[in-house]
Amino acid sequence: MDSVHTQHTQIPALGFGTYGMTNAEILNIVPAALKAGFRHIDTAQIYRNEAGVGEAWLASGIARSEVFITTKVWVANYGPERFESSVQESLQQLQSDYIDLLLLHWPNAEIPLTDQIERLNALVDRGIVRFIGVSNFNTALLQQAVTLSRHPLITHQLEYHPFLDQRKVLHTTRALGMSATAYCPMAIGRVLTEPVLLDIARHHHRSVAQIALRWVIQQPGMIALSRTTKLSRIAENLAVFDFELEPAEMSHIRALARPNSRIVDPPGLAPRWDPTD
């Protein structure tokens, strides 16, 4: 599997997302995904399935050093009394003595960003977290976070799919030397019926899902999170590294972006988003 090089490390360009999955579903699908070739698993404290991820990588028989695990600190745990203890709980659930990548899940204006970033850094200093980053930030918060951090912030995880124009925040992410990790690349199934994507899929003899994932990872510094609970879809989602989209096809897909296409926009969590065209 191809990797994205960022801040002196490599992150597998295709990750396996676990949002909304139960521990039982994870135990059914993730060991098979790892055996098929996935090496990047994405979870979060709020998903309440870190235990499933921990059992799944053990069940796969693959060495821990070969699996890149991302998890995220929930906003309620950003305070000094909960930050490190919540991460220790994550480590126990994951059955690991370290986390490859730890992200702040959403902005939280009630806790100074300086404190949030320093708590991430302290875990890197202690050696229980290898790399750190953020998720769902706008450009202003992203720039501030990078300035505050002693250790490099290596990725910014954000919603990204053909219908959502994220050019401004992606430009800032890259300019700051970070990779970008796209969640929701299928737009919750909306891509599957899009005529432009159907035409491109027919041209390449691929599925629309493969075209959507390829469109993301073919962009500079981009990582895509795929998600499925169907064993039959694992191989299909992995088979996106042996073909390329033509420049015109990349542009046609980018032109699908429309206003008001954001899917994940929780009140009380979402920042003031950057304007989209």
C-alpha atoms as a PDB file:
ATOM      1  CA  MET A   1       0.000   0.000   0.000  1.00  0.00           C
ATOM      2  CA  ASP A   2       1.207   3.500  -0.819  1.00  0.00           C
ATOM      3  CA  SER A   3       2.001   5.890   2.016  1.00  0.00           C
ATOM      4  CA  VAL A   4       1.883   9.638   2.477  1.00  0.00           C
ATOM      5  CA  HIS A   5       5.161  11.139   3.654  1.00  0.00           C
ATOM      6  CA  THR A   6       4.711  13.923   6.171  1.00  0.00           C
ATOM      7  CA  GLN A   7       6.900  15.420   8.886  1.00  0.00           C
ATOM      8  CA  HIS A   8       9.493  12.636   8.777  1.00  0.00           C
ATOM      9  CA  THR A   9       6.991   9.784   8.948  1.00  0.00           C
ATOM     10  CA  GLN A  10       4.785   7.745   6.645  1.00  0.00           C
ATOM     11  CA  ILE A  11       1.059   7.148   7.010  1.00  0.00           C
ATOM     12  CA  PRO A  12      -0.676   4.487   4.900  1.00  0.00           C
ATOM     13  CA  ALA A  13      -2.639   6.402   2.275  1.00  0.00           C
ATOM     14  CA  LEU A  14      -5.762   4.317   2.788  1.00  0.00           C
ATOM     15  CA  GLY A  15      -7.177   3.859   6.265  1.00  0.00           C
ATOM     16  CA  PHE A  16      -9.994   1.687   7.572  1.00  0.00           C
ATOM     17  CA  GLY A  17     -12.567   3.840   9.355  1.00  0.00           C
ATOM     18  CA  THR A  18     -14.646   2.460  12.231  1.00  0.00           C
ATOM     19  CA  TYR A  19     -17.140   5.256  12.928  1.00  0.00           C
ATOM     20  CA  GLY A  20     -20.512   3.852  13.933  1.00  0.00           C
ATOM     21  CA  MET A  21     -19.261   0.273  14.237  1.00  0.00           C
ATOM     22  CA  THR A  22     -19.893  -1.907  17.257  1.00  0.00           C
ATOM     23  CA  ASN A  23     -17.112  -3.927  18.802  1.00  0.00           C
ATOM     24  CA  ALA A  24     -18.731  -7.061  17.352  1.00  0.00           C
ATOM     25  CA  GLU A  25     -18.728  -5.603  13.843  1.00  0.00           C
ATOM     26  CA  ILE A  26     -15.097  -4.595  14.226  1.00  0.00           C
ATOM     27  CA  LEU A  27     -14.104  -8.072  15.361  1.00  0.00           C
ATOM     28  CA  ASN A  28     -15.807  -9.463  12.273  1.00  0.00           C
ATOM     29  CA  ILE A  29     -14.329  -7.078   9.699  1.00  0.00           C
ATOM     30  CA  VAL A  30     -11.036  -5.545  10.898  1.00  0.00           C
ATOM     31  CA  PRO A  31      -8.967  -8.745  11.208  1.00  0.00           C
ATOM     32  CA  ALA A  32      -9.976  -9.580   7.627  1.00  0.00           C
ATOM     33  CA  ALA A  33      -9.147  -6.038   6.504  1.00  0.00           C
ATOM     34  CA  LEU A  34      -5.696  -6.281   8.066  1.00  0.00           C
ATOM     35  CA  LYS A  35      -5.035  -9.668   6.498  1.00  0.00           C
ATOM     36  CA  ALA A  36      -6.116  -8.283   3.122  1.00  0.00           C
ATOM     37  CA  GLY A  37      -3.586  -5.459   3.337  1.00  0.00           C
ATOM     38  CA  PHE A  38      -5.001  -2.553   5.335  1.00  0.00           C
ATOM     39  CA  ARG A  39      -2.402  -1.174   7.735  1.00  0.00           C
ATOM     40  CA  HIS A  40      -4.113   1.967   9.033  1.00  0.00           C
ATOM     41  CA  ILE A  41      -7.065   1.747  11.435  1.00  0.00           C
ATOM     42  CA  ASP A  42      -8.970   4.849  12.557  1.00  0.00           C
ATOM     43  CA  THR A  43     -11.028   4.983  15.746  1.00  0.00           C
ATOM     44  CA  ALA A  44     -11.900   7.495  18.493  1.00  0.00           C
ATOM     45  CA  GLN A  45     -12.818   7.592  22.158  1.00  0.00           C
ATOM     46  CA  ILE A  46     -16.355   8.713  21.345  1.00  0.00           C
ATOM     47  CA  TYR A  47     -16.874   5.776  18.951  1.00  0.00           C
ATOM     48  CA  ARG A  48     -16.742   3.473  21.995  1.00  0.00           C
ATOM     49  CA  ASN A  49     -15.104   0.748  19.946  1.00  0.00           C
ATOM     50  CA  GLU A  50     -11.403   1.086  20.770  1.00  0.00           C
ATOM     51  CA  ALA A  51     -11.649  -2.260  22.592  1.00  0.00           C
ATOM     52  CA  GLY A  52     -12.814  -3.899  19.384  1.00  0.00           C
ATOM     53  CA  VAL A  53      -9.899  -2.402  17.486  1.00  0.00           C
ATOM     54  CA  GLY A  54      -7.508  -3.714  20.137  1.00  0.00           C
ATOM     55  CA  GLU A  55      -8.919  -7.221  19.966  1.00  0.00           C
ATOM     56  CA  ALA A  56      -9.039  -7.099  16.170  1.00  0.00           C
ATOM     57  CA  TRP A  57      -5.391  -6.267  15.557  1.00  0.00           C
ATOM     58  CA  LEU A  58      -4.413  -9.007  18.012  1.00  0.00           C
ATOM     59  CA  ALA A  59      -6.722 -11.476  16.264  1.00  0.00           C
ATOM     60  CA  SER A  60      -5.183 -10.633  12.895  1.00  0.00           C
ATOM     61  CA  GLY A  61      -1.819 -12.037  13.944  1.00  0.00           C
ATOM     62  CA  ILE A  62      -0.066  -8.998  12.483  1.00  0.00           C
ATOM     63  CA  ALA A  63       2.652  -7.373  14.558  1.00  0.00           C
ATOM     64  CA  ARG A  64       1.635  -4.173  16.340  1.00  0.00           C
ATOM     65  CA  SER A  65       4.546  -2.327  14.696  1.00  0.00           C
ATOM     66  CA  GLU A  66       2.990  -2.986  11.278  1.00  0.00           C
ATOM     67  CA  VAL A  67      -0.402  -1.469  12.153  1.00  0.00           C
ATOM     68  CA  PHE A  68      -0.837   2.317  12.232  1.00  0.00           C
ATOM     69  CA  ILE A  69      -3.591   3.129  14.753  1.00  0.00           C
ATOM     70  CA  THR A  70      -5.213   6.548  14.958  1.00  0.00           C
ATOM     71  CA  THR A  71      -7.527   7.542  17.781  1.00  0.00           C
ATOM     72  CA  LYS A  72      -8.963  10.853  18.957  1.00  0.00           C
ATOM     73  CA  VAL A  73      -9.415  12.533  22.327  1.00  0.00           C
ATOM     74  CA  TRP A  74     -13.029  13.522  22.916  1.00  0.00           C
ATOM     75  CA  VAL A  75     -13.741  17.188  23.689  1.00  0.00           C
ATOM     76  CA  ALA A  76     -15.052  16.433  27.197  1.00  0.00           C
ATOM     77  CA  ASN A  77     -11.608  15.032  28.046  1.00  0.00           C
ATOM     78  CA  TYR A  78      -9.525  18.093  27.117  1.00  0.00           C
ATOM     79  CA  GLY A  79      -9.241  19.369  30.702  1.00  0.00           C
ATOM     80  CA  PRO A  80      -6.209  18.599  32.888  1.00  0.00           C
ATOM     81  CA  GLU A  81      -8.067  16.075  35.018  1.00  0.00           C
ATOM     82  CA  ARG A  82      -9.154  13.893  32.085  1.00  0.00           C
ATOM     83  CA  PHE A  83      -6.767  14.325  29.144  1.00  0.00           C
ATOM     84  CA  GLU A  84      -3.976  11.919  30.054  1.00  0.00           C
ATOM     85  CA  SER A  85      -6.208   9.521  31.975  1.00  0.00           C
ATOM     86  CA  SER A  86      -8.547   9.217  28.972  1.00  0.00           C
ATOM     87  CA  VAL A  87      -5.575   8.407  26.742  1.00  0.00           C
ATOM     88  CA  GLN A  88      -4.404   5.791  29.236  1.00  0.00           C
ATOM     89  CA  GLU A  89      -7.880   4.272  29.005  1.00  0.00           C
ATOM     90  CA  SER A  90      -7.579   4.289  25.206  1.00  0.00           C
ATOM     91  CA  LEU A  91      -4.247   2.464  25.465  1.00  0.00           C
ATOM     92  CA  GLN A  92      -5.827  -0.192  27.664  1.00  0.00           C
ATOM     93  CA  GLN A  93      -8.727  -0.599  25.251  1.00  0.00           C
ATOM     94  CA  LEU A  94      -6.369  -0.806  22.270  1.00  0.00           C
ATOM     95  CA  GLN A  95      -4.161  -3.304  24.126  1.00  0.00           C
ATOM     96  CA  SER A  96      -1.104  -1.300  23.144  1.00  0.00           C
ATOM     97  CA  ASP A  97       1.584   0.612  24.993  1.00  0.00           C
ATOM     98  CA  TYR A  98       1.559   3.401  22.424  1.00  0.00           C
ATOM     99  CA  ILE A  99      -0.727   5.194  19.973  1.00  0.00           C
ATOM    100  CA  ASP A 100       0.615   5.943  16.505  1.00  0.00           C
ATOM    101  CA  LEU A 101      -1.450   9.085  15.932  1.00  0.00           C
ATOM    102  CA  LEU A 102      -3.529  10.997  18.484  1.00  0.00           C
ATOM    103  CA  LEU A 103      -5.864  13.767  17.342  1.00  0.00           C
ATOM    104  CA  LEU A 104      -7.973  16.428  19.010  1.00  0.00           C
ATOM    105  CA  HIS A 105     -11.394  15.347  17.728  1.00  0.00           C
ATOM    106  CA  TRP A 106     -13.100  18.754  17.526  1.00  0.00           C
ATOM    107  CA  PRO A 107     -12.284  22.287  18.649  1.00  0.00           C
ATOM    108  CA  ASN A 108     -13.316  23.127  22.207  1.00  0.00           C
ATOM    109  CA  ALA A 109     -13.351  26.841  22.987  1.00  0.00           C
ATOM    110  CA  GLU A 110     -13.923  26.207  26.703  1.00  0.00           C
ATOM    111  CA  ILE A 111     -10.345  24.939  27.113  1.00  0.00           C
ATOM    112  CA  PRO A 112      -7.489  27.178  25.880  1.00  0.00           C
ATOM    113  CA  LEU A 113      -6.019  25.750  22.686  1.00  0.00           C
ATOM    114  CA  THR A 114      -2.569  26.327  24.193  1.00  0.00           C
ATOM    115  CA  ASP A 115      -3.406  23.804  26.922  1.00  0.00           C
ATOM    116  CA  GLN A 116      -4.891  21.277  24.499  1.00  0.00           C
ATOM    117  CA  ILE A 117      -1.818  21.335  22.286  1.00  0.00           C
ATOM    118  CA  GLU A 118       0.603  21.184  25.207  1.00  0.00           C
ATOM    119  CA  ARG A 119      -1.185  18.101  26.570  1.00  0.00           C
ATOM    120  CA  LEU A 120      -0.772  16.399  23.208  1.00  0.00           C
ATOM    121  CA  ASN A 121       2.918  17.333  23.210  1.00  0.00           C
ATOM    122  CA  ALA A 122       3.418  16.007  26.724  1.00  0.00           C
ATOM    123  CA  LEU A 123       2.239  12.560  25.626  1.00  0.00           C
ATOM    124  CA  VAL A 124       4.759  12.572  22.783  1.00  0.00           C
ATOM    125  CA  ASP A 125       7.446  13.551  25.305  1.00  0.00           C
ATOM    126  CA  ARG A 126       6.457  10.558  27.434  1.00  0.00           C
ATOM    127  CA  GLY A 127       6.673   8.181  24.466  1.00  0.00           C
ATOM    128  CA  ILE A 128       3.115   6.862  24.650  1.00  0.00           C
ATOM    129  CA  VAL A 129       2.054   8.758  21.520  1.00  0.00           C
ATOM    130  CA  ARG A 130       4.209   8.758  18.385  1.00  0.00           C
ATOM    131  CA  PHE A 131       2.524  11.539  16.402  1.00  0.00           C
ATOM    132  CA  ILE A 132      -0.171  14.161  16.956  1.00  0.00           C
ATOM    133  CA  GLY A 133      -2.658  16.151  14.918  1.00  0.00           C
ATOM    134  CA  VAL A 134      -6.109  17.705  14.870  1.00  0.00           C
ATOM    135  CA  SER A 135      -9.519  17.088  13.332  1.00  0.00           C
ATOM    136  CA  ASN A 136     -12.321  19.370  12.137  1.00  0.00           C
ATOM    137  CA  PHE A 137     -10.402  22.638  12.529  1.00  0.00           C
ATOM    138  CA  ASN A 138     -10.819  25.734  10.389  1.00  0.00           C
ATOM    139  CA  THR A 139      -7.826  27.535   8.893  1.00  0.00           C
ATOM    140  CA  ALA A 140      -7.460  30.035  11.748  1.00  0.00           C
ATOM    141  CA  LEU A 141      -7.472  27.330  14.420  1.00  0.00           C
ATOM    142  CA  LEU A 142      -5.160  25.169  12.348  1.00  0.00           C
ATOM    143  CA  GLN A 143      -2.586  27.925  11.973  1.00  0.00           C
ATOM    144  CA  GLN A 144      -2.768  28.688  15.678  1.00  0.00           C
ATOM    145  CA  ALA A 145      -2.384  25.032  16.652  1.00  0.00           C
ATOM    146  CA  VAL A 146       0.730  24.569  14.520  1.00  0.00           C
ATOM    147  CA  THR A 147       2.288  27.690  16.019  1.00  0.00           C
ATOM    148  CA  LEU A 148       1.608  26.435  19.560  1.00  0.00           C
ATOM    149  CA  SER A 149       2.965  22.919  19.102  1.00  0.00           C
ATOM    150  CA  ARG A 150       6.527  21.916  20.003  1.00  0.00           C
ATOM    151  CA  HIS A 151       6.174  18.662  18.071  1.00  0.00           C
ATOM    152  CA  PRO A 152       4.951  18.641  14.455  1.00  0.00           C
ATOM    153  CA  LEU A 153       1.229  18.270  13.866  1.00  0.00           C
ATOM    154  CA  ILE A 154       1.295  15.714  11.076  1.00  0.00           C
ATOM    155  CA  THR A 155      -2.298  15.505   9.872  1.00  0.00           C
ATOM    156  CA  HIS A 156      -5.609  17.331   9.810  1.00  0.00           C
ATOM    157  CA  GLN A 157      -8.616  15.013   9.578  1.00  0.00           C
ATOM    158  CA  LEU A 158     -11.647  16.549   7.917  1.00  0.00           C
ATOM    159  CA  GLU A 159     -14.789  15.797   5.938  1.00  0.00           C
ATOM    160  CA  TYR A 160     -13.942  15.630   2.257  1.00  0.00           C
ATOM    161  CA  HIS A 161     -15.780  14.229  -0.749  1.00  0.00           C
ATOM    162  CA  PRO A 162     -16.494  15.346  -4.335  1.00  0.00           C
ATOM    163  CA  PHE A 163     -19.461  17.484  -3.323  1.00  0.00           C
ATOM    164  CA  LEU A 164     -17.691  19.552  -0.644  1.00  0.00           C
ATOM    165  CA  ASP A 165     -15.229  22.268  -1.649  1.00  0.00           C
ATOM    166  CA  GLN A 166     -12.454  22.230   0.939  1.00  0.00           C
ATOM    167  CA  ARG A 167      -9.793  23.964  -1.151  1.00  0.00           C
ATOM    168  CA  LYS A 168      -9.089  26.759   1.314  1.00  0.00           C
ATOM    169  CA  VAL A 169      -8.487  24.592   4.373  1.00  0.00           C
ATOM    170  CA  LEU A 170      -6.631  21.976   2.327  1.00  0.00           C
ATOM    171  CA  HIS A 171      -4.322  24.666   0.950  1.00  0.00           C
ATOM    172  CA  THR A 172      -3.574  25.829   4.493  1.00  0.00           C
ATOM    173  CA  THR A 173      -3.070  22.254   5.704  1.00  0.00           C
ATOM    174  CA  ARG A 174      -0.484  21.592   2.988  1.00  0.00           C
ATOM    175  CA  ALA A 175       1.186  24.971   3.431  1.00  0.00           C
ATOM    176  CA  LEU A 176       1.732  24.099   7.101  1.00  0.00           C
ATOM    177  CA  GLY A 177       3.502  20.890   6.114  1.00  0.00           C
ATOM    178  CA  MET A 178       0.670  18.599   7.191  1.00  0.00           C
ATOM    179  CA  SER A 179      -1.113  15.769   5.447  1.00  0.00           C
ATOM    180  CA  ALA A 180      -4.920  15.789   5.240  1.00  0.00           C
ATOM    181  CA  THR A 181      -7.047  12.773   6.122  1.00  0.00           C
ATOM    182  CA  ALA A 182     -10.440  12.631   4.413  1.00  0.00           C
ATOM    183  CA  TYR A 183     -13.357  11.069   6.230  1.00  0.00           C
ATOM    184  CA  CYS A 184     -16.739  10.497   4.624  1.00  0.00           C
ATOM    185  CA  PRO A 185     -15.237  10.264   1.088  1.00  0.00           C
ATOM    186  CA  MET A 186     -18.361   8.467  -0.176  1.00  0.00           C
ATOM    187  CA  ALA A 187     -20.630  11.252   1.108  1.00  0.00           C
ATOM    188  CA  ILE A 188     -22.702   8.565   2.893  1.00  0.00           C
ATOM    189  CA  GLY A 189     -23.416   6.804  -0.399  1.00  0.00           C
ATOM    190  CA  ARG A 190     -24.296   9.891  -2.412  1.00  0.00           C
ATOM    191  CA  VAL A 191     -21.343   9.318  -4.764  1.00  0.00           C
ATOM    192  CA  LEU A 192     -22.786   5.968  -5.844  1.00  0.00           C
ATOM    193  CA  THR A 193     -25.511   7.507  -8.006  1.00  0.00           C
ATOM    194  CA  GLU A 194     -23.608  10.519  -9.352  1.00  0.00           C
ATOM    195  CA  PRO A 195     -23.610  10.345 -13.213  1.00  0.00           C
ATOM    196  CA  VAL A 196     -20.146  11.891 -13.596  1.00  0.00           C
ATOM    197  CA  LEU A 197     -18.652   9.312 -11.278  1.00  0.00           C
ATOM    198  CA  LEU A 198     -20.602   6.494 -12.916  1.00  0.00           C
ATOM    199  CA  ASP A 199     -19.192   7.477 -16.322  1.00  0.00           C
ATOM    200  CA  ILE A 200     -15.625   7.641 -15.016  1.00  0.00           C
ATOM    201  CA  ALA A 201     -16.075   4.295 -13.250  1.00  0.00           C
ATOM    202  CA  ARG A 202     -17.245   2.663 -16.490  1.00  0.00           C
ATOM    203  CA  HIS A 203     -14.260   4.119 -18.365  1.00  0.00           C
ATOM    204  CA  HIS A 204     -11.813   2.561 -15.886  1.00  0.00           C
ATOM    205  CA  HIS A 205     -13.835  -0.646 -15.312  1.00  0.00           C
ATOM    206  CA  ARG A 206     -13.944   0.195 -11.631  1.00  0.00           C
ATOM    207  CA  SER A 207     -16.633   0.789  -9.028  1.00  0.00           C
ATOM    208  CA  VAL A 208     -17.749   4.289  -8.103  1.00  0.00           C
ATOM    209  CA  ALA A 209     -16.391   3.709  -4.596  1.00  0.00           C
ATOM    210  CA  GLN A 210     -12.960   3.013  -6.062  1.00  0.00           C
ATOM    211  CA  ILE A 211     -13.135   6.187  -8.143  1.00  0.00           C
ATOM    212  CA  ALA A 212     -14.062   8.298  -5.102  1.00  0.00           C
ATOM    213  CA  LEU A 213     -11.209   6.855  -3.029  1.00  0.00           C
ATOM    214  CA  ARG A 214      -8.737   7.192  -5.904  1.00  0.00           C
ATOM    215  CA  TRP A 215      -9.762  10.824  -6.397  1.00  0.00           C
ATOM    216  CA  VAL A 216      -8.855  11.578  -2.787  1.00  0.00           C
ATOM    217  CA  ILE A 217      -5.528   9.752  -2.567  1.00  0.00           C
ATOM    218  CA  GLN A 218      -4.358  11.007  -5.954  1.00  0.00           C
ATOM    219  CA  GLN A 219      -4.314  14.545  -4.551  1.00  0.00           C
ATOM    220  CA  PRO A 220      -1.049  15.697  -2.905  1.00  0.00           C
ATOM    221  CA  GLY A 221      -0.670  14.756   0.751  1.00  0.00           C
ATOM    222  CA  MET A 222      -4.108  13.134   1.007  1.00  0.00           C
ATOM    223  CA  ILE A 223      -5.147  10.088   3.023  1.00  0.00           C
ATOM    224  CA  ALA A 224      -8.609   8.533   2.639  1.00  0.00           C
ATOM    225  CA  LEU A 225     -10.605   6.611   5.230  1.00  0.00           C
ATOM    226  CA  SER A 226     -12.744   3.870   3.728  1.00  0.00           C
ATOM    227  CA  ARG A 227     -15.435   2.150   5.746  1.00  0.00           C
ATOM    228  CA  THR A 228     -17.413  -1.031   5.232  1.00  0.00           C
ATOM    229  CA  THR A 229     -18.981  -3.742   7.347  1.00  0.00           C
ATOM    230  CA  LYS A 230     -19.118  -6.137   4.369  1.00  0.00           C
ATOM    231  CA  LEU A 231     -16.281  -8.608   3.950  1.00  0.00           C
ATOM    232  CA  SER A 232     -16.921  -8.656   0.201  1.00  0.00           C
ATOM    233  CA  ARG A 233     -16.029  -4.961  -0.116  1.00  0.00           C
ATOM    234  CA  ILE A 234     -12.582  -5.101   1.508  1.00  0.00           C
ATOM    235  CA  ALA A 235     -10.641  -6.160  -1.584  1.00  0.00           C
ATOM    236  CA  GLU A 236     -12.511  -3.651  -3.740  1.00  0.00           C
ATOM    237  CA  ASN A 237     -11.689  -0.737  -1.446  1.00  0.00           C
ATOM    238  CA  LEU A 238      -8.014  -1.727  -1.407  1.00  0.00           C
ATOM    239  CA  ALA A 239      -7.707  -1.937  -5.188  1.00  0.00           C
ATOM    240  CA  VAL A 240      -7.133   1.761  -5.800  1.00  0.00           C
ATOM    241  CA  PHE A 241      -3.355   1.853  -6.237  1.00  0.00           C
ATOM    242  CA  ASP A 242      -3.036   0.210  -9.663  1.00  0.00           C
ATOM    243  CA  PHE A 243      -4.715   2.881 -11.785  1.00  0.00           C
ATOM    244  CA  GLU A 244      -4.761   6.669 -12.129  1.00  0.00           C
ATOM    245  CA  LEU A 245      -7.441   9.171 -12.961  1.00  0.00           C
ATOM    246  CA  GLU A 246      -6.713  11.501 -15.859  1.00  0.00           C
ATOM    247  CA  PRO A 247      -6.261  15.223 -15.077  1.00  0.00           C
ATOM    248  CA  ALA A 248      -9.551  16.024 -16.821  1.00  0.00           C
ATOM    249  CA  GLU A 249     -11.331  13.392 -14.731  1.00  0.00           C
ATOM    250  CA  MET A 250      -9.880  14.840 -11.535  1.00  0.00           C
ATOM    251  CA  SER A 251     -11.215  18.256 -12.590  1.00  0.00           C
ATOM    252  CA  HIS A 252     -14.655  16.911 -13.518  1.00  0.00           C
ATOM    253  CA  ILE A 253     -14.976  15.326 -10.094  1.00  0.00           C
ATOM    254  CA  ARG A 254     -13.784  18.477  -8.347  1.00  0.00           C
ATOM    255  CA  ALA A 255     -16.426  20.444 -10.260  1.00  0.00           C
ATOM    256  CA  LEU A 256     -19.165  18.442  -8.520  1.00  0.00           C
ATOM    257  CA  ALA A 257     -18.737  20.557  -5.369  1.00  0.00           C
ATOM    258  CA  ARG A 258     -21.877  22.469  -4.430  1.00  0.00           C
ATOM    259  CA  PRO A 259     -22.826  24.853  -1.593  1.00  0.00           C
ATOM    260  CA  ASN A 260     -24.385  23.385   1.536  1.00  0.00           C
ATOM    261  CA  SER A 261     -22.889  19.939   0.933  1.00  0.00           C
ATOM    262  CA  ARG A 262     -21.385  19.513   4.380  1.00  0.00           C
ATOM    263  CA  ILE A 263     -22.684  16.343   6.037  1.00  0.00           C
ATOM    264  CA  VAL A 264     -20.975  16.491   9.441  1.00  0.00           C
ATOM    265  CA  ASP A 265     -21.820  19.792  11.148  1.00  0.00           C
ATOM    266  CA  PRO A 266     -22.767  19.145  14.794  1.00  0.00           C
ATOM    267  CA  PRO A 267     -24.077  22.204  16.662  1.00  0.00           C
ATOM    268  CA  GLY A 268     -21.904  23.091  19.620  1.00  0.00           C
ATOM    269  CA  LEU A 269     -18.881  21.265  18.196  1.00  0.00           C
ATOM    270  CA  ALA A 270     -18.333  22.593  14.695  1.00  0.00           C
ATOM    271  CA  PRO A 271     -16.202  25.742  14.382  1.00  0.00           C
ATOM    272  CA  ARG A 272     -17.045  28.636  12.091  1.00  0.00           C
ATOM    273  CA  TRP A 273     -16.206  26.863   8.852  1.00  0.00           C
ATOM    274  CA  ASP A 274     -14.127  28.476   6.155  1.00  0.00           C
ATOM    275  CA  PRO A 275     -16.246  29.692   3.240  1.00  0.00           C
ATOM    276  CA  THR A 276     -16.659  27.295   0.313  1.00  0.00           C
ATOM    277  CA  ASP A 277     -17.216  28.186  -3.311  1.00  0.00           C
END
